[in-house]
Amino acid sequence: MKAITVYCASSTNLAVEFADTARRVGELIADRGIDLVYGGGGIGLMGEVARSLHARGGRVTGIITKHLLDQEQGWDGCDELRVVETMRERKRLLVELGDAFLVLPGGLGTYEEFFETLVGRQLREHAKPIGIVNDAGYFDPLVAMIEHGIEHRFIKPAVKELFTVDPDPSVVIDWLLDAPPVEIDPQRFLPMGRIPEPPDEPPDETPDEPGA
């Protein structure tokens, strides 16, 4: 595995324990010789992960939009900082450049990135593993919501095979490095039981030319 994409908060108004875990994540990734791909910010948990990994000798690639560059104080310590026009482009590169995904506590943007990545895995748009660091039980409501969806048959239980959740970042990272391959069987993974096929081409109903 060459690179892990990390999704996490840019907020600075957080309990110190979250920052401690983010710094440990950066160190653990660097110690395993893996590069970091992340949202390019220099503040919040984003900045903690990036700085700690870089200080440990790891390589950092940041992806950030022009609009967020100043607000998130794009970190100039990145080995590569890509500035893009849209969030759609930012998220596309975050998915493409990482070989696995690690989710730390965050807000709406982090939730959006997690679910978009999970749905992409469910739909076979990629085959990369996803790990959640449930620091201080932060993601307990998220896990409960997924279980709630399974209970009411909006989500197939097999979806839980596509990600792991643990409070210990070392456990999550090790799982990402050795995640078992999962073949997406639409009957097991999709609520409707299959991936819709593109419609057949309509028959050519052009009337014959006179005298043909």
Protein backbone atom coordinates (compact mmCIF):
# COMPACT_ATOMS: atom_id res chain seq x y z
CA MET A 1 0.00 0.00 0.00
CA LYS A 2 1.47 3.32 -1.09
CA ALA A 3 -0.94 5.92 0.35
CA ILE A 4 -3.84 6.26 2.77
CA THR A 5 -6.47 8.97 2.38
CA VAL A 6 -7.51 10.43 5.73
CA TYR A 7 -10.84 12.19 6.25
CA CYS A 8 -11.11 14.33 9.39
CA ALA A 9 -12.05 17.66 10.95
CA SER A 10 -10.67 21.08 10.14
CA SER A 11 -12.29 22.50 13.30
CA THR A 12 -9.95 23.96 15.92
CA ASN A 13 -12.51 24.03 18.75
CA LEU A 14 -12.06 20.41 19.84
CA ALA A 15 -11.14 18.47 22.95
CA VAL A 16 -7.39 17.96 23.16
CA GLU A 17 -7.79 14.18 23.14
CA PHE A 18 -8.90 14.24 19.50
CA ALA A 19 -5.74 16.10 18.51
CA ASP A 20 -3.61 13.59 20.41
CA THR A 21 -5.15 10.72 18.46
CA ALA A 22 -4.73 12.57 15.15
CA ARG A 23 -1.02 13.07 15.84
CA ARG A 24 -0.67 9.38 16.68
CA VAL A 25 -2.37 8.47 13.41
CA GLY A 26 0.17 10.52 11.48
CA GLU A 27 3.03 8.80 13.28
CA LEU A 28 1.58 5.32 12.75
CA ILE A 29 1.09 5.88 9.03
CA ALA A 30 4.61 7.27 8.63
CA ASP A 31 6.14 4.42 10.65
CA ARG A 32 4.58 1.96 8.20
CA GLY A 33 6.18 3.76 5.26
CA ILE A 34 2.86 4.92 3.82
CA ASP A 35 2.14 8.32 2.27
CA LEU A 36 -0.70 10.58 3.39
CA VAL A 37 -3.40 11.98 1.11
CA TYR A 38 -5.76 14.43 2.84
CA GLY A 39 -7.76 17.62 2.46
CA GLY A 40 -4.77 19.95 2.51
CA GLY A 41 -5.71 21.99 5.60
CA GLY A 42 -3.22 23.18 8.19
CA ILE A 43 -5.64 23.47 11.12
CA GLY A 44 -7.78 21.10 13.16
CA LEU A 45 -7.23 17.37 13.01
CA MET A 46 -6.16 17.74 9.38
CA GLY A 47 -3.15 19.78 10.42
CA GLU A 48 -2.29 17.48 13.31
CA VAL A 49 -2.20 14.37 11.11
CA ALA A 50 -0.20 16.05 8.35
CA ARG A 51 2.40 17.70 10.57
CA SER A 52 3.03 14.63 12.72
CA LEU A 53 3.38 12.38 9.68
CA HIS A 54 5.71 14.81 7.93
CA ALA A 55 7.83 15.21 11.06
CA ARG A 56 8.22 11.44 11.09
CA GLY A 57 9.56 11.45 7.54
CA GLY A 58 6.32 10.66 5.67
CA ARG A 59 5.17 12.24 2.43
CA VAL A 60 2.06 14.45 2.40
CA THR A 61 -0.22 15.24 -0.52
CA GLY A 62 -2.96 17.78 0.15
CA ILE A 63 -6.01 18.45 -2.01
CA ILE A 64 -7.89 21.68 -1.38
CA THR A 65 -10.22 24.04 -3.24
CA LYS A 66 -9.36 27.65 -3.94
CA HIS A 67 -12.40 28.67 -1.91
CA LEU A 68 -11.20 26.77 1.19
CA LEU A 69 -7.52 27.54 0.81
CA ASP A 70 -7.58 30.60 3.06
CA GLN A 71 -10.33 29.39 5.42
CA GLU A 72 -8.56 26.10 6.16
CA GLN A 73 -5.14 27.73 6.02
CA GLY A 74 -3.82 25.31 3.42
CA TRP A 75 -0.67 23.81 4.88
CA ASP A 76 2.46 24.93 3.05
CA GLY A 77 4.40 22.04 4.56
CA CYS A 78 2.78 19.57 2.15
CA ASP A 79 5.18 17.85 -0.20
CA GLU A 80 2.48 18.45 -2.81
CA LEU A 81 -0.52 20.74 -2.42
CA ARG A 82 -3.03 20.52 -5.25
CA VAL A 83 -5.44 23.45 -5.48
CA VAL A 84 -8.61 22.62 -7.41
CA GLU A 85 -11.73 24.52 -8.38
CA THR A 86 -14.53 22.42 -6.90
CA MET A 87 -15.31 20.08 -4.02
CA ARG A 88 -16.32 17.46 -6.57
CA GLU A 89 -12.80 17.51 -8.00
CA ARG A 90 -11.27 17.52 -4.53
CA LYS A 91 -13.24 14.43 -3.46
CA ARG A 92 -12.48 12.64 -6.74
CA LEU A 93 -8.73 13.06 -6.21
CA LEU A 94 -8.95 12.04 -2.55
CA VAL A 95 -10.52 8.77 -3.67
CA GLU A 96 -8.22 8.21 -6.64
CA LEU A 97 -4.90 8.93 -4.93
CA GLY A 98 -5.41 6.79 -1.81
CA ASP A 99 -5.20 3.00 -1.63
CA ALA A 100 -7.33 2.91 1.52
CA PHE A 101 -9.41 5.33 3.59
CA LEU A 102 -9.10 6.23 7.26
CA VAL A 103 -11.86 8.25 8.92
CA LEU A 104 -11.23 10.30 12.07
CA PRO A 105 -13.80 12.42 13.91
CA GLY A 106 -15.12 15.29 11.85
CA GLY A 107 -18.18 17.27 10.88
CA LEU A 108 -20.52 17.31 7.90
CA GLY A 109 -17.71 17.21 5.35
CA THR A 110 -16.16 14.14 6.97
CA TYR A 111 -19.51 12.35 7.09
CA GLU A 112 -20.13 13.21 3.44
CA GLU A 113 -16.72 11.88 2.41
CA PHE A 114 -17.20 8.67 4.37
CA PHE A 115 -20.63 7.90 2.94
CA GLU A 116 -19.67 8.81 -0.62
CA THR A 117 -16.63 6.55 -0.37
CA LEU A 118 -18.67 3.73 1.18
CA VAL A 119 -21.37 3.96 -1.48
CA GLY A 120 -18.69 3.97 -4.17
CA ARG A 121 -17.33 0.74 -2.68
CA GLN A 122 -20.83 -0.74 -2.53
CA LEU A 123 -21.37 0.08 -6.21
CA ARG A 124 -17.98 -1.34 -7.26
CA GLU A 125 -16.59 2.04 -8.28
CA HIS A 126 -13.47 1.14 -6.27
CA ALA A 127 -12.25 -1.82 -4.21
CA LYS A 128 -10.38 0.00 -1.45
CA PRO A 129 -10.83 -0.74 2.29
CA ILE A 130 -12.30 1.80 4.71
CA GLY A 131 -11.47 2.17 8.41
CA ILE A 132 -13.06 4.32 11.11
CA VAL A 133 -11.19 5.36 14.25
CA ASN A 134 -13.98 5.59 16.82
CA ASP A 135 -12.07 7.96 19.08
CA ALA A 136 -13.80 8.48 22.44
CA GLY A 137 -16.95 6.84 21.03
CA TYR A 138 -17.46 9.72 18.60
CA PHE A 139 -18.81 7.47 15.87
CA ASP A 140 -21.17 5.44 18.08
CA PRO A 141 -24.21 7.29 16.64
CA LEU A 142 -22.97 6.63 13.10
CA VAL A 143 -22.64 2.91 13.77
CA ALA A 144 -26.08 2.91 15.41
CA MET A 145 -27.59 4.69 12.40
CA ILE A 146 -26.20 2.08 10.00
CA GLU A 147 -27.53 -0.69 12.24
CA HIS A 148 -30.89 1.10 12.29
CA GLY A 149 -30.93 1.14 8.49
CA ILE A 150 -30.13 -2.58 8.44
CA GLU A 151 -32.88 -3.34 10.95
CA HIS A 152 -35.44 -1.59 8.74
CA ARG A 153 -34.05 -3.23 5.57
CA PHE A 154 -32.87 -0.02 3.93
CA ILE A 155 -29.25 -1.29 4.12
CA LYS A 156 -27.99 -4.81 3.51
CA PRO A 157 -26.05 -6.34 6.47
CA ALA A 158 -23.17 -7.26 4.13
CA VAL A 159 -22.25 -3.57 3.89
CA LYS A 160 -20.53 -3.94 7.28
CA GLU A 161 -17.93 -6.15 5.57
CA LEU A 162 -16.66 -3.11 3.66
CA PHE A 163 -15.32 -1.17 6.66
CA THR A 164 -13.99 -1.65 10.15
CA VAL A 165 -14.54 0.40 13.32
CA ASP A 166 -12.22 0.45 16.34
CA PRO A 167 -11.12 3.03 18.92
CA ASP A 168 -7.45 2.09 18.47
CA PRO A 169 -5.93 3.67 15.33
CA SER A 170 -3.18 1.05 15.16
CA VAL A 171 -5.82 -1.71 14.96
CA VAL A 172 -7.65 0.13 12.17
CA ILE A 173 -4.49 0.85 10.16
CA ASP A 174 -3.30 -2.75 10.46
CA TRP A 175 -6.72 -3.92 9.25
CA LEU A 176 -6.47 -1.61 6.24
CA LEU A 177 -3.09 -3.07 5.36
CA ASP A 178 -4.40 -6.63 5.51
CA ALA A 179 -8.09 -6.21 4.69
CA PRO A 180 -9.63 -9.32 3.14
CA PRO A 181 -10.86 -8.89 -0.43
CA VAL A 182 -14.63 -8.60 -0.70
CA GLU A 183 -16.43 -9.51 -3.90
CA ILE A 184 -19.49 -7.31 -4.32
CA ASP A 185 -22.44 -9.60 -4.96
CA PRO A 186 -25.37 -7.28 -5.73
CA GLN A 187 -27.79 -9.72 -4.11
CA ARG A 188 -25.97 -9.33 -0.80
CA PHE A 189 -24.93 -5.68 -0.94
CA LEU A 190 -27.56 -3.66 -2.74
CA PRO A 191 -31.03 -2.97 -1.31
CA MET A 192 -32.63 -3.65 -4.68
CA GLY A 193 -30.54 -6.79 -5.07
CA ARG A 194 -28.83 -5.91 -8.31
CA ILE A 195 -26.95 -3.20 -10.17
CA PRO A 196 -29.28 -1.93 -12.89
CA GLU A 197 -28.08 -2.71 -16.38
CA PRO A 198 -28.15 0.07 -18.99
CA PRO A 199 -31.32 -0.07 -21.07
CA ASP A 200 -31.19 -1.92 -24.34
CA GLU A 201 -31.04 0.15 -27.48
CA PRO A 202 -34.58 0.65 -28.81
CA PRO A 203 -35.29 -1.21 -32.03
CA ASP A 204 -34.98 0.73 -35.23
CA GLU A 205 -38.56 1.48 -36.16
CA THR A 206 -37.77 3.62 -39.20
CA PRO A 207 -40.32 2.67 -41.86
CA ASP A 208 -39.02 1.10 -45.02
CA GLU A 209 -38.53 3.43 -47.94
CA PRO A 210 -41.27 3.13 -50.58
CA GLY A 211 -40.38 0.54 -53.12
CA ALA A 212 -37.74 -1.04 -50.89
